[in-house]
Amino acid sequence: MGIEEDLDVPDQQPIITATAITKTFQTGDTQGSKLCVLRGITLRINAGEIIAVVGASGAGKSTLLHILGTLDRPTSGEVIYDTSNVFALDDEALAKFRNRSIGFVFQFHHLLPEFSALENVAMPALISGERLAKVRDRAFALMEEVGVGERADARPPQLSGGEQQRVAVARALMNNPRVILADEPSGNLDSANADLLHRLIWDLSRKRGQTFVVVTHNESLARRADRIVRIVDGVIEQV
């Protein structure tokens, strides 16, 4: 069962250390007002953990996940992966780091409908410059691992919602990243498929030693996590 984030889990090796993260957006009104979404978030994530990020809509959960995933840069603060300050990288180097080191699973699977399920799984490796012939077996093995190997040749519109999300999980694993970031991964699934996906995330983390950071409103998924990080109005709520 998860526990509330206390920012100090001893005797473990942090894989991500976020320090004093703020994020401010221009609102677009005529006064040039700004909206502060994150207000000095400091968070350590240990290798192999499953972290559930919870909170009300608009609290800053997805914004934090996008910054941890280097999809967006913070207004201030730093994110360290192992010992590297990733936001010291230029955009090209950051994109290469992201593709190699981080896997993503979103509420809506974002599979490319013109490609087969297997080709979608292989996409991160193809973006890295590998050829499909070289990575096909690896992609198929991942599909088998998440339970959709028999659907390798199907295109996304031919898959059920649960199958689409399993393909998305396999895609996130393709480059063997150390960190998987998931934003409401079961939010678009019925309860049965959601439970299957939750168990899959747990099993993959324990089997592979991969770190999962999951934004969720689903209490069942949050309870499976090693720790719960609760965000309220852009800050981590202390216990």
Protein backbone atom coordinates (compact mmCIF):
# COMPACT_ATOMS: atom_id res chain seq x y z
CA MET A 1 0.00 0.00 0.00
CA GLY A 2 1.31 3.46 -0.86
CA ILE A 3 2.41 6.03 1.69
CA GLU A 4 2.37 9.78 1.38
CA GLU A 5 5.55 11.33 -0.05
CA ASP A 6 7.95 12.36 2.71
CA LEU A 7 10.82 13.44 0.43
CA ASP A 8 13.26 11.24 2.34
CA VAL A 9 13.31 7.54 1.55
CA PRO A 10 16.63 6.30 2.97
CA ASP A 11 19.04 3.68 1.69
CA GLN A 12 17.90 3.86 -1.92
CA GLN A 13 19.56 5.35 -4.98
CA PRO A 14 17.68 8.27 -6.53
CA ILE A 15 17.30 8.12 -10.29
CA ILE A 16 15.53 11.50 -10.53
CA THR A 17 16.04 14.47 -8.23
CA ALA A 18 13.83 17.50 -8.92
CA THR A 19 14.73 20.59 -6.92
CA ALA A 20 12.71 23.81 -6.47
CA ILE A 21 10.71 23.32 -9.68
CA THR A 22 8.44 26.18 -10.64
CA LYS A 23 6.35 26.58 -13.78
CA THR A 24 4.58 29.76 -14.80
CA PHE A 25 2.42 30.30 -17.88
CA GLN A 26 1.23 33.49 -19.55
CA THR A 27 -2.56 33.59 -19.36
CA GLY A 28 -3.00 35.49 -22.63
CA ASP A 29 -5.17 38.24 -21.16
CA THR A 30 -4.64 41.91 -21.98
CA GLN A 31 -2.94 42.55 -18.63
CA GLY A 32 -0.19 40.00 -19.38
CA SER A 33 -1.09 38.04 -16.26
CA LYS A 34 0.84 34.92 -15.28
CA LEU A 35 -0.41 31.65 -13.82
CA CYS A 36 1.94 29.83 -11.45
CA VAL A 37 1.16 26.10 -11.75
CA LEU A 38 4.12 24.62 -9.84
CA ARG A 39 5.49 26.40 -6.79
CA GLY A 40 8.87 25.05 -5.75
CA ILE A 41 8.40 21.28 -6.10
CA THR A 42 11.24 19.21 -4.64
CA LEU A 43 11.02 15.46 -5.17
CA ARG A 44 13.36 12.49 -5.16
CA ILE A 45 12.42 9.35 -7.10
CA ASN A 46 14.35 6.18 -6.41
CA ALA A 47 15.33 3.53 -8.93
CA GLY A 48 12.72 0.77 -9.27
CA GLU A 49 9.94 2.60 -7.44
CA ILE A 50 6.34 3.01 -8.49
CA ILE A 51 5.25 6.55 -7.60
CA ALA A 52 1.60 7.62 -7.81
CA VAL A 53 1.04 11.35 -8.30
CA VAL A 54 -2.44 12.34 -7.17
CA GLY A 55 -4.41 15.53 -6.66
CA ALA A 56 -7.37 17.51 -7.91
CA SER A 57 -7.70 18.56 -11.55
CA GLY A 58 -5.55 21.62 -12.17
CA ALA A 59 -3.25 20.95 -9.21
CA GLY A 60 -0.19 20.64 -11.48
CA LYS A 61 0.19 16.85 -11.79
CA SER A 62 0.51 16.65 -15.57
CA THR A 63 2.70 19.75 -15.69
CA LEU A 64 5.09 18.09 -13.25
CA LEU A 65 5.09 14.88 -15.29
CA HIS A 66 5.87 16.80 -18.49
CA ILE A 67 8.82 18.48 -16.79
CA LEU A 68 10.12 15.20 -15.33
CA GLY A 69 9.81 13.76 -18.85
CA THR A 70 11.65 16.76 -20.37
CA LEU A 71 8.66 17.48 -22.61
CA ASP A 72 8.60 20.97 -21.09
CA ARG A 73 11.25 23.06 -19.35
CA PRO A 74 10.63 24.49 -15.88
CA THR A 75 10.55 28.23 -15.29
CA SER A 76 13.13 27.66 -12.57
CA GLY A 77 14.70 24.75 -10.73
CA GLU A 78 16.54 21.70 -11.99
CA VAL A 79 15.95 18.03 -12.76
CA ILE A 80 18.86 15.64 -12.27
CA TYR A 81 18.83 12.17 -13.84
CA ASP A 82 21.50 10.24 -11.94
CA THR A 83 24.12 13.02 -11.89
CA SER A 84 23.17 14.93 -15.06
CA ASN A 85 21.21 18.19 -15.11
CA VAL A 86 19.07 17.41 -18.15
CA PHE A 87 17.91 20.97 -18.73
CA ALA A 88 21.50 22.04 -19.26
CA LEU A 89 21.24 20.16 -22.59
CA ASP A 90 20.22 21.92 -25.80
CA ASP A 91 16.96 20.88 -27.45
CA GLU A 92 18.52 18.35 -29.83
CA ALA A 93 20.53 16.62 -27.11
CA LEU A 94 17.51 16.69 -24.80
CA ALA A 95 15.34 14.99 -27.45
CA LYS A 96 17.92 12.22 -27.84
CA PHE A 97 18.11 11.77 -24.08
CA ARG A 98 14.32 11.62 -23.84
CA ASN A 99 13.96 8.99 -26.57
CA ARG A 100 16.71 6.83 -25.08
CA SER A 101 15.99 7.15 -21.37
CA ILE A 102 12.27 7.80 -20.82
CA GLY A 103 9.16 5.91 -21.90
CA PHE A 104 5.71 7.51 -22.01
CA VAL A 105 2.18 6.15 -21.64
CA PHE A 106 -0.73 8.60 -21.93
CA GLN A 107 -4.47 8.36 -21.30
CA PHE A 108 -5.05 8.34 -25.03
CA HIS A 109 -2.61 5.89 -26.52
CA HIS A 110 -1.38 8.14 -29.37
CA LEU A 111 -0.71 5.15 -31.63
CA LEU A 112 -0.18 5.97 -35.29
CA PRO A 113 -3.18 4.53 -37.17
CA GLU A 114 -1.34 4.03 -40.48
CA PHE A 115 1.17 1.62 -38.90
CA SER A 116 0.70 -1.87 -37.50
CA ALA A 117 0.77 -2.46 -33.75
CA LEU A 118 4.25 -3.94 -34.04
CA GLU A 119 5.51 -0.95 -36.03
CA ASN A 120 4.07 1.36 -33.37
CA VAL A 121 5.92 -0.55 -30.67
CA ALA A 122 9.15 -0.32 -32.67
CA MET A 123 8.77 3.43 -33.29
CA PRO A 124 11.14 4.69 -30.54
CA ALA A 125 13.92 2.48 -31.93
CA LEU A 126 13.16 3.60 -35.48
CA ILE A 127 13.37 7.23 -34.36
CA SER A 128 16.80 6.39 -32.92
CA GLY A 129 17.88 5.30 -36.40
CA GLU A 130 17.55 1.53 -36.10
CA ARG A 131 16.02 -0.46 -38.94
CA LEU A 132 12.73 -2.31 -38.50
CA ALA A 133 14.28 -5.59 -39.67
CA LYS A 134 16.77 -5.35 -36.80
CA VAL A 135 14.29 -4.49 -34.05
CA ARG A 136 11.24 -6.48 -35.18
CA ASP A 137 11.98 -9.45 -32.91
CA ARG A 138 12.49 -7.17 -29.90
CA ALA A 139 9.22 -5.37 -30.57
CA PHE A 140 7.34 -8.66 -30.92
CA ALA A 141 8.86 -9.99 -27.68
CA LEU A 142 7.58 -6.90 -25.85
CA MET A 143 4.13 -7.38 -27.32
CA GLU A 144 4.19 -10.97 -26.10
CA GLU A 145 5.30 -9.78 -22.66
CA VAL A 146 2.33 -7.42 -22.31
CA GLY A 147 -0.10 -10.00 -23.70
CA VAL A 148 -0.87 -8.76 -27.23
CA GLY A 149 1.61 -10.69 -29.37
CA GLU A 150 -1.19 -12.16 -31.49
CA ARG A 151 -2.22 -8.61 -32.49
CA ALA A 152 1.16 -7.62 -33.95
CA ASP A 153 -0.15 -7.13 -37.50
CA ALA A 154 -3.35 -5.31 -36.52
CA ARG A 155 -3.65 -1.56 -36.95
CA PRO A 156 -4.72 0.55 -33.95
CA PRO A 157 -8.35 1.02 -35.07
CA GLN A 158 -8.71 -2.78 -35.07
CA LEU A 159 -7.64 -3.05 -31.42
CA SER A 160 -9.78 -2.77 -28.30
CA GLY A 161 -9.07 0.02 -25.84
CA GLY A 162 -7.27 -2.35 -23.48
CA GLU A 163 -5.17 -3.75 -26.33
CA GLN A 164 -4.25 -0.25 -27.50
CA GLN A 165 -2.96 0.68 -24.05
CA ARG A 166 -0.95 -2.54 -23.82
CA VAL A 167 0.63 -1.72 -27.17
CA ALA A 168 1.39 1.76 -25.82
CA VAL A 169 3.08 0.20 -22.77
CA ALA A 170 5.16 -2.06 -25.02
CA ARG A 171 6.16 0.99 -27.07
CA ALA A 172 7.23 2.79 -23.89
CA LEU A 173 9.50 -0.17 -23.09
CA MET A 174 11.05 -0.42 -26.55
CA ASN A 175 14.32 1.41 -25.86
CA ASN A 176 14.56 -0.20 -22.40
CA PRO A 177 14.31 3.14 -20.57
CA ARG A 178 15.00 3.27 -16.86
CA VAL A 179 11.94 5.48 -16.26
CA ILE A 180 8.36 5.14 -17.50
CA LEU A 181 6.06 8.16 -17.06
CA ALA A 182 2.33 7.52 -17.33
CA ASP A 183 -0.41 10.17 -17.36
CA GLU A 184 -3.81 8.68 -16.42
CA PRO A 185 -2.94 5.45 -18.29
CA SER A 186 -6.19 3.73 -17.32
CA GLY A 187 -8.40 6.81 -17.47
CA ASN A 188 -10.00 5.75 -20.75
CA LEU A 189 -10.55 2.08 -19.83
CA ASP A 190 -13.37 0.16 -18.18
CA SER A 191 -12.71 -1.21 -14.70
CA ALA A 192 -11.71 -4.70 -15.85
CA ASN A 193 -9.17 -3.46 -18.39
CA ALA A 194 -7.95 -0.82 -15.95
CA ASP A 195 -7.23 -3.48 -13.34
CA LEU A 196 -5.34 -5.58 -15.91
CA LEU A 197 -3.23 -2.54 -16.84
CA HIS A 198 -2.51 -1.73 -13.18
CA ARG A 199 -1.30 -5.28 -12.55
CA LEU A 200 0.80 -5.13 -15.70
CA ILE A 201 2.53 -1.92 -14.54
CA TRP A 202 3.27 -3.50 -11.15
CA ASP A 203 4.59 -6.72 -12.68
CA LEU A 204 6.80 -4.89 -15.19
CA SER A 205 8.30 -2.67 -12.51
CA ARG A 206 9.12 -5.62 -10.27
CA LYS A 207 10.38 -7.84 -13.07
CA ARG A 208 12.45 -5.23 -14.90
CA GLY A 209 13.45 -2.92 -12.06
CA GLN A 210 12.08 0.02 -13.99
CA THR A 211 10.83 3.17 -12.31
CA PHE A 212 7.21 4.16 -12.94
CA VAL A 213 5.80 7.62 -12.18
CA VAL A 214 2.04 7.52 -12.70
CA VAL A 215 -0.38 10.44 -12.57
CA THR A 216 -3.75 8.98 -11.66
CA HIS A 217 -7.18 9.65 -10.22
CA ASN A 218 -7.66 5.90 -9.82
CA GLU A 219 -7.51 4.96 -6.14
CA SER A 220 -6.85 1.29 -6.91
CA LEU A 221 -3.76 2.16 -8.94
CA ALA A 222 -2.54 4.63 -6.32
CA ARG A 223 -2.82 1.99 -3.60
CA ARG A 224 -0.53 -0.32 -5.61
CA ALA A 225 2.24 2.29 -5.64
CA ASP A 226 5.24 2.28 -3.33
CA ARG A 227 4.66 5.95 -2.53
CA ILE A 228 1.96 8.52 -3.14
CA VAL A 229 2.86 12.12 -4.00
CA ARG A 230 -0.11 14.39 -3.42
CA ILE A 231 -0.06 17.78 -5.13
CA VAL A 232 -2.27 20.61 -3.89
CA ASP A 233 -2.23 23.98 -5.67
CA GLY A 234 1.19 23.36 -7.20
CA VAL A 235 2.99 22.15 -4.09
CA ILE A 236 3.53 18.73 -2.51
CA GLU A 237 1.23 18.34 0.46
CA GLN A 238 3.19 17.41 3.56
CA VAL A 239 1.90 14.87 6.10
